[in-house]
Protein backbone atom coordinates (compact mmCIF):
# COMPACT_ATOMS: atom_id res chain seq x y z
CA MET A 1 61.43 -38.90 15.85
CA ALA A 2 58.91 -39.19 13.02
CA ALA A 3 56.24 -37.69 15.22
CA ASP A 4 58.27 -34.49 15.40
CA ASN A 5 57.74 -33.99 11.64
CA ILE A 6 53.91 -34.15 11.78
CA VAL A 7 52.37 -30.86 10.68
CA VAL A 8 49.17 -30.04 12.57
CA SER A 9 46.77 -27.84 10.61
CA PRO A 10 45.50 -24.77 12.48
CA TYR A 11 42.12 -25.15 10.75
CA LEU A 12 39.38 -27.22 12.35
CA ASP A 13 36.20 -28.54 10.78
CA VAL A 14 33.47 -27.33 13.15
CA PRO A 15 30.05 -28.17 11.67
CA PRO A 16 27.10 -26.31 13.19
CA ASP A 17 24.67 -28.10 15.45
CA PRO A 18 21.89 -29.28 13.08
CA GLU A 19 18.99 -28.85 15.48
CA ARG A 20 20.05 -25.37 16.66
CA ILE A 21 20.58 -24.14 13.10
CA ILE A 22 17.45 -25.58 11.56
CA GLU A 23 15.29 -24.39 14.46
CA GLY A 24 16.94 -20.97 14.37
CA LEU A 25 16.22 -20.61 10.66
CA ARG A 26 12.53 -20.96 11.46
CA ASP A 27 12.67 -17.48 12.97
CA THR A 28 13.87 -15.47 9.97
CA GLY A 29 10.73 -13.32 10.02
CA TYR A 30 8.69 -14.88 7.23
CA GLU A 31 4.98 -14.15 6.99
CA PHE A 32 2.69 -16.73 5.42
CA ASN A 33 2.18 -14.79 2.18
CA THR A 34 5.91 -14.16 1.81
CA SER A 35 6.67 -17.84 2.43
CA MET A 36 4.19 -19.06 -0.13
CA ALA A 37 5.51 -16.58 -2.71
CA ASP A 38 9.02 -17.93 -2.15
CA VAL A 39 7.80 -21.43 -2.94
CA ILE A 40 5.91 -20.22 -6.01
CA ASP A 41 9.13 -18.50 -7.15
CA ASN A 42 10.75 -21.91 -7.49
CA SER A 43 7.91 -23.12 -9.70
CA ILE A 44 8.26 -20.09 -11.96
CA ALA A 45 12.05 -20.54 -12.03
CA ALA A 46 11.37 -24.10 -13.26
CA LYS A 47 9.44 -22.58 -16.21
CA ALA A 48 6.09 -23.88 -14.96
CA ARG A 49 3.02 -22.84 -16.92
CA ASN A 50 0.52 -24.09 -14.35
CA ILE A 51 0.80 -23.88 -10.56
CA ASP A 52 -1.78 -25.32 -8.17
CA VAL A 53 -1.72 -24.17 -4.54
CA ALA A 54 -3.78 -26.04 -1.94
CA VAL A 55 -4.27 -25.07 1.71
CA ALA A 56 -6.53 -27.53 3.54
CA MET A 57 -7.46 -28.71 7.03
CA ASP A 58 -8.36 -32.30 7.85
CA PHE A 59 -10.91 -33.50 10.40
CA GLY A 60 -8.28 -33.48 13.12
CA GLY A 61 -7.37 -29.85 12.56
CA GLN A 62 -4.09 -30.68 10.84
CA ILE A 63 -3.16 -28.28 8.03
CA LEU A 64 -1.66 -29.50 4.77
CA VAL A 65 -0.14 -27.09 2.24
CA SER A 66 0.99 -28.05 -1.25
CA VAL A 67 2.31 -26.22 -4.31
CA ALA A 68 2.29 -28.35 -7.47
CA ASP A 69 3.64 -27.30 -10.88
CA ASP A 70 4.33 -28.59 -14.38
CA GLY A 71 7.84 -27.16 -14.55
CA CYS A 72 11.01 -28.93 -15.64
CA GLY A 73 11.13 -31.13 -12.54
CA MET A 74 14.28 -32.61 -10.97
CA ASP A 75 16.23 -35.82 -11.08
CA ARG A 76 17.89 -37.34 -8.03
CA ASP A 77 20.85 -34.97 -7.97
CA GLY A 78 18.69 -31.97 -8.71
CA LEU A 79 16.31 -32.87 -5.91
CA ILE A 80 19.13 -33.21 -3.41
CA ASN A 81 20.59 -29.88 -4.48
CA ALA A 82 17.21 -28.14 -4.24
CA MET A 83 16.81 -29.35 -0.65
CA ARG A 84 20.34 -28.38 0.32
CA TYR A 85 20.59 -25.31 2.56
CA GLY A 86 22.54 -22.97 0.32
CA SER A 87 21.92 -24.88 -2.90
CA LYS A 88 24.16 -24.32 -5.90
CA ARG A 89 23.62 -21.12 -7.85
CA ARG A 90 21.19 -21.45 -10.73
CA ALA A 91 22.61 -21.21 -14.23
CA ASP A 92 20.03 -18.55 -15.06
CA GLN A 93 20.95 -15.52 -12.97
CA ALA A 94 17.61 -13.93 -13.86
CA SER A 95 15.83 -16.69 -11.94
CA LEU A 96 13.44 -15.62 -9.18
CA GLY A 97 15.48 -17.80 -6.81
CA LYS A 98 18.45 -15.93 -5.38
CA PHE A 99 20.21 -17.32 -2.28
CA GLY A 100 19.37 -21.04 -2.40
CA LEU A 101 17.65 -20.79 0.99
CA GLY A 102 14.13 -19.56 0.26
CA LEU A 103 12.38 -22.89 -0.28
CA LYS A 104 13.71 -24.34 2.98
CA THR A 105 13.55 -21.33 5.29
CA ALA A 106 10.18 -20.16 3.94
CA SER A 107 8.64 -23.60 4.40
CA THR A 108 10.06 -24.60 7.78
CA ALA A 109 9.04 -21.21 9.15
CA PHE A 110 5.56 -22.79 9.26
CA CYS A 111 5.96 -26.56 9.07
CA ARG A 112 8.12 -29.23 10.74
CA ARG A 113 8.14 -31.60 7.77
CA LEU A 114 9.03 -30.36 4.29
CA SER A 115 8.99 -32.59 1.21
CA ALA A 116 9.83 -32.01 -2.44
CA ILE A 117 8.28 -34.54 -4.82
CA SER A 118 9.52 -34.39 -8.40
CA ARG A 119 9.62 -36.10 -11.80
CA GLY A 120 12.70 -35.13 -13.79
CA LYS A 121 11.63 -36.48 -17.19
CA ASP A 122 8.36 -37.34 -18.88
CA GLY A 123 7.17 -40.76 -17.75
CA GLY A 124 10.09 -41.03 -15.32
CA GLN A 125 10.32 -42.06 -11.69
CA VAL A 126 8.85 -39.73 -9.07
CA LEU A 127 11.23 -39.18 -6.15
CA LYS A 128 10.59 -37.57 -2.78
CA ALA A 129 13.11 -35.77 -0.56
CA THR A 130 12.12 -34.79 2.98
CA TRP A 131 13.50 -32.64 5.75
CA ASP A 132 11.95 -33.77 9.04
CA LEU A 133 12.93 -31.38 11.82
CA ASP A 134 12.07 -33.85 14.58
CA HIS A 135 14.19 -36.55 12.94
CA ILE A 136 17.14 -34.16 12.65
CA ALA A 137 16.82 -33.31 16.35
CA THR A 138 16.81 -37.01 17.23
CA VAL A 139 19.79 -38.16 15.11
CA GLU A 140 21.71 -34.85 15.43
CA ARG A 141 22.72 -35.01 11.77
CA TRP A 142 21.64 -33.35 8.54
CA GLU A 143 19.84 -36.45 7.31
CA LEU A 144 17.71 -35.85 4.22
CA GLN A 145 15.28 -38.68 3.52
CA LEU A 146 15.20 -39.68 -0.17
CA VAL A 147 12.58 -42.25 -1.22
CA GLU A 148 10.18 -43.02 -4.05
CA ALA A 149 6.93 -41.08 -3.88
CA THR A 150 3.76 -42.83 -2.71
CA PRO A 151 0.82 -43.38 -5.10
CA ASP A 152 -1.09 -40.53 -3.40
CA GLU A 153 1.85 -38.17 -3.88
CA VAL A 154 2.20 -39.17 -7.54
CA LYS A 155 -1.52 -38.49 -7.94
CA LEU A 156 -1.01 -35.03 -6.45
CA LEU A 157 1.71 -34.32 -9.02
CA ASP A 158 -0.26 -35.78 -11.92
CA ALA A 159 -3.20 -33.47 -11.15
CA VAL A 160 -1.16 -30.64 -12.69
CA ALA A 161 1.52 -32.51 -14.72
CA LYS A 162 -0.05 -35.74 -15.95
CA GLY A 163 2.87 -38.14 -16.55
CA LYS A 164 5.19 -35.26 -17.35
CA THR A 165 7.88 -33.31 -15.54
CA GLY A 166 6.88 -31.31 -12.51
CA THR A 167 7.28 -30.81 -8.78
CA VAL A 168 5.18 -30.74 -5.64
CA ILE A 169 6.28 -28.93 -2.48
CA LEU A 170 4.49 -30.37 0.54
CA TRP A 171 4.17 -28.89 4.03
CA GLU A 172 3.15 -31.30 6.78
CA ARG A 173 2.90 -30.81 10.54
CA VAL A 174 2.15 -27.12 10.07
CA ASP A 175 2.54 -25.77 13.60
CA ARG A 176 3.05 -22.01 13.15
CA LEU A 177 0.14 -20.81 11.06
CA LEU A 178 -2.88 -20.86 13.38
CA LYS A 179 -3.00 -20.34 17.10
CA ALA A 180 -4.22 -23.18 19.31
CA TYR A 181 -8.01 -23.42 19.16
CA ALA A 182 -10.15 -25.25 21.71
CA VAL A 183 -11.63 -27.21 18.79
CA PRO A 184 -8.71 -27.63 16.32
CA ASP A 185 -10.99 -28.34 13.35
CA GLY A 186 -13.88 -26.17 14.53
CA LYS A 187 -15.59 -23.25 12.84
CA ALA A 188 -13.29 -20.62 14.36
CA ALA A 189 -10.17 -22.41 13.16
CA ARG A 190 -11.57 -22.97 9.67
CA ASN A 191 -12.64 -19.33 9.39
CA ALA A 192 -9.16 -18.23 10.44
CA LEU A 193 -7.62 -20.47 7.79
CA LYS A 194 -10.03 -19.10 5.19
CA ARG A 195 -8.86 -15.56 6.00
CA TYR A 196 -5.28 -16.65 5.38
CA VAL A 197 -6.28 -18.16 2.03
CA ASP A 198 -8.24 -15.07 0.97
CA ASP A 199 -5.32 -12.82 1.90
CA LEU A 200 -2.92 -15.11 0.04
CA ARG A 201 -5.09 -14.93 -3.08
CA PHE A 202 -4.80 -11.13 -3.23
CA HIS A 203 -1.07 -11.26 -2.40
CA VAL A 204 -0.43 -13.65 -5.29
CA SER A 205 -2.57 -11.56 -7.66
CA MET A 206 -0.45 -8.51 -6.80
CA VAL A 207 3.02 -10.09 -6.60
CA TYR A 208 2.71 -12.07 -9.85
CA GLN A 209 0.55 -9.60 -11.76
CA ARG A 210 2.87 -9.51 -14.78
CA PHE A 211 3.00 -13.31 -14.96
CA LEU A 212 -0.76 -13.73 -14.57
CA ASP A 213 -1.69 -11.02 -17.09
CA LYS A 214 -1.65 -12.64 -20.53
CA SER A 215 -1.45 -9.21 -22.19
CA ASP A 216 1.72 -8.26 -20.27
CA LYS A 217 4.69 -9.44 -22.34
CA ARG A 218 7.35 -8.52 -19.78
CA ALA A 219 7.05 -11.91 -18.03
CA GLN A 220 6.27 -15.50 -18.94
CA ASP A 221 2.61 -16.50 -18.84
CA VAL A 222 1.68 -18.46 -15.72
CA SER A 223 -1.65 -19.76 -14.50
CA ILE A 224 -1.97 -20.01 -10.69
CA ARG A 225 -4.88 -21.60 -8.88
CA ILE A 226 -5.53 -21.56 -5.14
CA ASN A 227 -7.81 -24.29 -3.84
CA GLY A 228 -9.01 -24.85 -7.38
CA GLU A 229 -9.91 -21.23 -8.20
CA PRO A 230 -7.82 -19.25 -10.73
CA VAL A 231 -6.02 -16.19 -9.42
CA LEU A 232 -6.63 -13.09 -11.53
CA PRO A 233 -3.97 -10.36 -11.87
CA TRP A 234 -4.43 -7.19 -9.84
CA ASP A 235 -3.17 -4.01 -11.50
CA PRO A 236 -2.24 -1.37 -8.89
CA TYR A 237 -1.95 1.31 -11.58
CA CYS A 238 -5.44 0.83 -13.08
CA VAL A 239 -3.99 1.18 -16.58
CA SER A 240 -7.45 0.66 -18.09
CA GLU A 241 -8.36 3.99 -16.46
CA THR A 242 -5.03 5.85 -16.24
CA LYS A 243 -3.89 4.76 -19.75
CA THR A 244 -0.31 6.07 -19.39
CA PRO A 245 2.03 7.14 -16.58
CA ILE A 246 2.38 10.86 -15.88
CA ALA A 247 6.15 10.43 -15.61
CA GLU A 248 8.59 7.75 -16.72
CA LYS A 249 12.37 7.45 -16.48
CA VAL A 250 14.85 4.75 -17.46
CA GLN A 251 18.00 5.25 -15.38
CA LYS A 252 21.30 3.60 -16.34
CA VAL A 253 23.68 2.47 -13.60
CA GLU A 254 27.38 1.55 -13.74
CA ILE A 255 27.78 -1.81 -11.95
CA GLY A 256 31.36 -2.73 -12.78
CA ASP A 257 34.05 -2.64 -15.42
CA ASN A 258 32.40 -2.25 -18.81
CA ASP A 259 29.03 -3.36 -17.44
CA ARG A 260 25.87 -1.37 -17.03
CA ALA A 261 22.34 -2.03 -15.87
CA GLU A 262 19.20 0.03 -15.74
CA PHE A 263 16.05 0.45 -13.73
CA THR A 264 12.71 1.93 -14.73
CA VAL A 265 10.46 4.20 -12.71
CA ARG A 266 6.91 5.02 -13.80
CA ALA A 267 4.51 7.25 -11.89
CA PHE A 268 0.73 6.83 -12.07
CA ILE A 269 -1.95 9.09 -10.64
CA LEU A 270 -5.20 7.19 -10.25
CA PRO A 271 -8.58 8.78 -10.92
CA ARG A 272 -10.70 9.95 -8.02
CA LYS A 273 -13.63 7.75 -7.08
CA ASP A 274 -16.08 9.85 -9.05
CA GLU A 275 -13.88 9.64 -12.18
CA PHE A 276 -13.86 5.83 -12.54
CA ALA A 277 -15.94 4.18 -15.23
CA ASN A 278 -18.04 2.27 -12.70
CA GLN A 279 -18.23 1.21 -9.06
CA ALA A 280 -16.72 -2.20 -9.78
CA ALA A 281 -13.57 -0.46 -11.05
CA VAL A 282 -13.49 1.74 -7.95
CA LYS A 283 -13.68 -1.29 -5.68
CA ASP A 284 -11.00 -3.15 -7.60
CA ALA A 285 -8.65 -0.13 -7.44
CA ARG A 286 -8.50 -0.34 -3.62
CA LEU A 287 -8.23 3.41 -3.11
CA THR A 288 -7.05 3.16 0.48
CA ASN A 289 -4.26 4.91 2.28
CA ASP A 290 -2.16 1.76 2.68
CA MET A 291 -1.96 1.06 -1.08
CA GLN A 292 -0.12 4.27 -2.02
CA GLY A 293 3.62 4.50 -2.66
CA LEU A 294 6.31 2.54 -4.50
CA TYR A 295 5.79 -0.96 -5.86
CA VAL A 296 9.21 -2.52 -6.39
CA TYR A 297 9.72 -5.31 -8.95
CA ARG A 298 12.73 -7.58 -9.36
CA GLU A 299 12.67 -9.63 -12.57
CA ASN A 300 8.99 -8.66 -13.00
CA ARG A 301 8.02 -10.04 -9.59
CA LEU A 302 6.83 -7.62 -6.89
CA ILE A 303 9.28 -7.86 -4.00
CA HIS A 304 8.48 -4.79 -1.92
CA GLY A 305 5.76 -2.31 -1.16
CA PRO A 306 3.64 -0.47 -1.41
CA ASP A 307 5.32 2.15 0.76
CA TRP A 308 7.57 5.19 0.36
CA LEU A 309 10.85 3.41 1.30
CA ASP A 310 11.14 5.57 4.44
CA MET A 311 11.27 8.73 2.33
CA TYR A 312 7.75 9.83 3.28
CA SER A 313 4.95 8.71 5.52
CA LYS A 314 1.61 7.57 4.11
CA GLU A 315 -0.92 10.38 4.09
CA PRO A 316 -4.46 10.53 2.68
CA HIS A 317 -3.63 13.24 0.13
CA MET A 318 -1.24 10.75 -1.55
CA THR A 319 -3.87 8.01 -1.88
CA LEU A 320 -4.00 8.36 -5.68
CA CYS A 321 -0.23 8.20 -6.19
CA ARG A 322 1.37 4.83 -7.09
CA ILE A 323 4.91 4.42 -8.39
CA GLU A 324 6.39 1.44 -10.23
CA LEU A 325 10.11 0.71 -9.76
CA SER A 326 11.49 -2.19 -11.83
CA PHE A 327 14.98 -3.68 -12.06
CA ASP A 328 16.65 -7.00 -12.86
CA HIS A 329 19.06 -9.26 -10.98
CA LYS A 330 22.08 -7.17 -12.00
CA LEU A 331 21.04 -4.51 -9.50
CA ASP A 332 20.47 -6.82 -6.52
CA ASP A 333 23.51 -5.42 -4.74
CA ALA A 334 22.64 -1.83 -5.57
CA PHE A 335 19.17 -2.25 -4.08
CA GLN A 336 20.36 -4.56 -1.26
CA VAL A 337 17.71 -7.23 -1.86
CA ASP A 338 17.18 -9.28 1.31
CA ILE A 339 17.02 -13.06 1.71
CA LYS A 340 13.20 -13.13 1.61
CA LYS A 341 13.15 -10.88 -1.49
CA SER A 342 10.60 -8.83 0.44
CA ARG A 343 12.40 -5.52 0.95
CA ILE A 344 15.07 -3.29 -0.56
CA LEU A 345 17.24 -0.46 0.70
CA LEU A 346 18.41 2.59 -1.22
CA ASP A 347 21.91 3.96 -0.90
CA ASP A 348 22.34 7.72 -0.58
CA SER A 349 22.65 8.43 -4.31
CA LEU A 350 19.59 6.34 -5.23
CA TYR A 351 17.66 7.87 -2.33
CA ASP A 352 18.39 11.40 -3.54
CA TRP A 353 17.61 10.53 -7.15
CA MET A 354 14.29 8.95 -6.20
CA GLN A 355 13.23 11.89 -4.05
CA LYS A 356 13.84 14.30 -6.93
CA PHE A 357 11.89 12.10 -9.34
CA LEU A 358 8.96 11.82 -6.93
CA GLN A 359 8.51 15.56 -6.42
CA GLY A 360 6.39 16.09 -9.53
CA PRO A 361 4.19 12.97 -9.24
CA ARG A 362 3.55 13.58 -5.55
CA ARG A 363 2.57 17.19 -6.22
CA GLU A 364 0.24 16.08 -9.03
CA GLY A 365 -1.29 13.34 -6.88
CA SER A 366 -1.88 15.75 -4.02
CA GLU A 367 -3.52 18.35 -6.25
CA ARG A 368 -5.88 15.83 -7.84
CA TYR A 369 -6.82 14.42 -4.45
CA ARG A 370 -7.42 17.85 -2.93
CA LYS A 371 -9.57 18.96 -5.88
CA GLY A 372 -11.73 15.92 -5.31
CA VAL A 373 -11.89 16.67 -1.60
CA ALA A 374 -12.81 20.28 -2.31
CA ALA A 375 -15.67 19.21 -4.56
CA THR A 376 -16.88 16.72 -1.95
CA VAL A 377 -16.60 19.27 0.83
CA THR A 378 -18.41 21.97 -1.10
CA GLY A 379 -21.24 19.60 -1.94
CA ALA A 380 -21.67 18.61 1.71
CA ALA A 381 -21.11 22.09 3.18
CA ALA A 382 -24.80 22.95 3.52
CA LEU A 383 -25.29 19.95 5.81
CA ILE A 384 -22.08 20.62 7.75
CA HIS A 385 -23.12 24.19 8.63
CA ALA A 386 -26.88 23.72 8.93
CA VAL A 387 -26.86 23.54 12.73
CA SER A 388 -24.70 26.67 12.96
CA ASN A 389 -26.99 28.64 10.65
CA ASN A 390 -30.02 27.74 12.75
CA ALA A 391 -28.30 28.58 16.04
CA ILE A 392 -26.88 31.89 14.82
CA HIS A 393 -30.16 32.91 13.21
CA ALA A 394 -31.94 32.51 16.54
CA GLN A 395 -29.62 35.15 18.09
CA ALA A 396 -28.69 37.24 15.04
CA GLU A 397 -31.16 40.08 15.57
CA ASN A 398 -29.96 40.62 19.13
CA LEU A 399 -26.32 40.51 18.00
CA LYS A 400 -26.65 42.79 15.01
CA THR A 401 -23.68 45.20 14.85
CA ALA A 402 -24.17 47.00 11.54
CA ALA A 403 -26.90 48.00 9.11
CA LEU A 404 -26.69 47.76 5.32
CA LYS A 405 -27.44 51.24 3.94
CA GLU A 406 -26.87 51.15 0.17
CA VAL A 407 -25.19 49.36 -2.70
CA ASP A 408 -23.23 50.98 -5.53
CA GLY A 409 -24.38 49.08 -8.59
CA ALA A 410 -21.41 50.24 -10.67
CA THR A 411 -18.59 49.30 -8.28
CA GLY A 412 -20.28 46.71 -6.08
CA ASP A 413 -19.27 48.65 -2.97
CA VAL A 414 -21.66 48.65 -0.04
CA THR A 415 -22.23 51.28 2.58
CA ILE A 416 -22.86 50.24 6.17
CA SER A 417 -23.54 52.12 9.35
CA ASN A 418 -22.28 51.12 12.77
CA LYS A 419 -21.32 52.80 16.03
CA ASN A 420 -18.40 54.51 14.27
CA GLY A 421 -20.59 56.02 11.58
CA VAL A 422 -20.96 55.31 7.87
CA THR A 423 -18.30 53.37 5.94
CA LYS A 424 -18.02 52.21 2.34
CA LEU A 425 -16.65 48.64 2.00
CA LYS A 426 -16.04 45.97 -0.62
CA ILE A 427 -18.19 43.18 0.84
CA LYS A 428 -20.00 40.40 -0.98
CA LEU A 429 -23.77 40.58 -1.16
CA VAL A 430 -24.95 37.06 -1.91
CA GLU A 431 -28.08 34.96 -1.87
CA GLN A 432 -28.66 31.69 -0.08
CA LYS A 433 -27.36 28.73 -2.09
CA ASN A 434 -29.29 26.34 0.13
CA SER A 435 -32.35 26.79 2.29
CA GLY A 436 -31.50 28.22 5.72
CA GLU A 437 -27.94 29.17 4.71
CA CYS A 438 -28.31 32.78 5.82
CA HIS A 439 -25.30 33.35 8.12
CA VAL A 440 -22.58 30.80 7.26
CA GLN A 441 -21.76 29.90 3.68
CA ALA A 442 -18.95 27.61 2.49
CA VAL A 443 -17.25 28.50 -0.80
CA ASP A 444 -14.53 26.91 -2.95
CA SER A 445 -12.06 29.77 -2.50
CA LEU A 446 -11.62 33.36 -1.39
CA GLN A 447 -9.39 36.15 -2.64
CA ASP A 448 -5.82 35.98 -1.29
CA GLY A 449 -6.57 32.52 0.10
CA VAL A 450 -8.00 33.85 3.37
CA LEU A 451 -9.97 31.49 5.59
CA TRP A 452 -12.99 33.77 5.94
CA GLU A 453 -14.50 37.10 4.99
CA PRO A 454 -17.56 39.04 6.16
CA ALA A 455 -20.58 39.15 3.86
CA PHE A 456 -24.30 39.80 3.73
CA ILE A 457 -26.51 36.86 2.76
CA ASP A 458 -29.99 38.06 1.83
CA GLY A 459 -29.33 41.12 4.01
CA ASN A 460 -28.14 39.10 7.03
CA GLN A 461 -24.71 39.61 8.60
CA ALA A 462 -22.78 36.56 7.52
CA VAL A 463 -19.43 34.88 7.00
CA ARG A 464 -18.12 33.11 3.92
CA ILE A 465 -15.68 30.29 4.77
CA ASN A 466 -13.02 29.05 2.36
CA THR A 467 -13.19 25.22 2.07
CA GLY A 468 -9.92 25.29 0.12
CA HIS A 469 -7.97 26.53 3.14
CA PRO A 470 -5.97 23.79 4.94
CA TYR A 471 -7.59 24.77 8.24
CA TYR A 472 -11.00 23.82 6.87
CA HIS A 473 -9.62 20.58 5.45
CA LYS A 474 -7.78 19.49 8.61
CA VAL A 475 -10.00 20.91 11.37
CA TYR A 476 -13.53 21.18 10.03
CA ILE A 477 -13.69 17.97 8.00
CA PRO A 478 -12.49 15.53 10.72
CA ASN A 479 -15.14 17.06 13.03
CA LYS A 480 -17.97 17.36 10.53
CA LYS A 481 -20.04 14.72 12.34
CA SER A 482 -19.81 16.67 15.59
CA GLY A 483 -22.44 19.37 15.24
CA MET A 484 -21.37 20.96 18.52
CA THR A 485 -17.75 21.33 17.38
CA VAL A 486 -18.69 22.78 13.98
CA GLN A 487 -21.16 25.14 15.64
CA GLY A 488 -18.42 26.33 17.97
CA LEU A 489 -15.99 26.95 15.10
CA ASP A 490 -18.64 28.72 13.00
CA SER A 491 -19.80 30.86 15.93
CA LEU A 492 -16.23 32.02 16.56
CA ILE A 493 -15.63 33.06 12.95
CA TRP A 494 -19.10 34.59 12.58
CA GLY A 495 -18.43 36.53 15.80
CA LEU A 496 -15.18 37.89 14.35
CA CYS A 497 -17.07 39.07 11.27
CA ALA A 498 -19.81 40.65 13.39
CA ALA A 499 -17.18 42.43 15.47
CA GLU A 500 -15.46 43.67 12.31
CA LEU A 501 -18.69 45.01 10.84
CA GLY A 502 -19.53 46.70 14.13
CA ASN A 503 -16.16 48.45 14.49
CA VAL A 504 -14.90 49.08 10.96
CA SER A 505 -14.41 52.63 9.76
CA GLU A 506 -12.74 54.45 6.89
CA SER A 507 -9.57 54.79 8.97
CA ASN A 508 -9.21 51.16 10.10
CA LYS A 509 -10.83 49.04 7.37
CA ARG A 510 -7.43 48.25 5.85
CA ASN A 511 -6.27 46.93 9.25
CA PHE A 512 -9.18 44.49 9.42
CA GLU A 513 -8.37 43.17 5.93
CA GLU A 514 -4.72 42.67 6.87
CA MET A 515 -5.70 40.95 10.10
CA ARG A 516 -7.83 38.40 8.22
CA TYR A 517 -4.99 37.79 5.78
CA GLU A 518 -2.39 37.41 8.54
CA VAL A 519 -4.51 35.11 10.72
CA SER A 520 -5.28 32.94 7.69
CA ARG A 521 -1.56 32.72 6.89
CA ILE A 522 -0.69 31.76 10.47
CA LEU A 523 -3.42 29.12 10.62
CA ARG A 524 -2.15 27.67 7.35
CA ARG A 525 1.25 27.15 8.96
CA LEU A 526 -0.14 25.88 12.26
CA VAL A 527 -2.08 23.02 10.66
CA GLU A 528 0.75 21.85 8.37
CA ASP A 529 1.68 18.99 10.71
CA LEU A 530 -1.89 17.94 11.44
CA PRO A 531 -2.89 14.71 9.68
CA ASP A 532 -5.14 14.82 6.67
CA PRO A 533 -8.65 13.51 7.34
CA ALA A 534 -9.21 9.82 6.80
CA GLU A 535 -10.98 8.87 3.57
CA ASP A 536 -14.09 7.91 5.54
CA ASP A 537 -14.33 11.50 6.80
CA LEU A 538 -14.65 12.91 3.29
């Protein structure tokens, strides 16, 4: 009868399969740079002042990665908690650590054996906790190995925290960084590893810029070395050149009952190449298409970008535009920070607000870029059109359609004669700016923004082409190295001018002017969706 009174709980304890889970977490999409930054985050969260990163390959081709710091270190309980998947929330909510998963998932994405070696108090015992994925698969349990560190591991810690508190994160059996090489420790493999290290160095210099820059008081000072060489901060905004942002806004956000947070947006327009103080500054600025856009910082650490957060695509005319977006941990939910702290998402209201803010800076960036392009184009125009001038000159006498009769010195009007008689026109009479430039001449702009207009250059029937028109920018410039293409374009426009001069009269001259204006307007619209020329084309 007693058995009838037993209450059976409807809840069952169903622990996940250790091997399936831990292997599955290896595929969370980490890249090497993102993984290493997640490990470095833990060192900074531990208030480390010095962080040493080492990425090495032994004679057997095995890769060993370590991150050692002189932070607060951990005792036995702290070490166990740090290695727990889903470790307890840090007391400091502003910590760079967020979900309690980064250290483990970031590390095992590349290695099969992860160890944390730590000293929790000055002169204290150094303990080592290890997750060994192969051991977990064998015993089918979440067994964390906890032992005293070896003399070599203590030496590794003491290299950055001599006898004091600190931690070393150690990756062994790294199986997902390099592909399989015929000679595992050969030149090809070592060169590939060096490329990873070089790329990591720049990533760290960008992500932790505010921590590495001793003059930046927004973040704690941290020294980071990679394979013994200090990492210098990289400033995407070139403040030494730009001085101040062109736009800045601090936006307050309601995040709950009686609680508010704020984020800051600052827009910088970088100088053009010719405006930098020297070539070293130009090189350091990395004025490439892929470096434009928003740089997003959480707690002074870059977590996303540069890109336009799906608001715009990257285009060459935005190369000089870089935007800083900074917020703290209070806005994690608002910006939907992901587990890797490597991307954010904007809700509709933030998306709309950001688009409105960006209108001015993007317009300014585009104008400065295009002015630089115009100057470059104008300077190179003589070379671009040299072949056309030679080719047209060889046929010009046979294709002559009008004769220049007289010039009114007071009004600048010219009188021409053609098959329709004598007509007075407002046409430019110009001289050659460059030797041989007698039929096609590129100019910065033309009245009413037209693409071309007829002219006489040293008495020769000619065309003046507007380099400021989008058609020139998007059609001529990408093809400037193809003399045949440029010659074809120039011949077409010169032919239109020759036909106009040969058929214009007092009764139809207004029609020809309107035609040039209308065609130029249509071409402006037609090339809107064409890509801007690559920087190498300029």
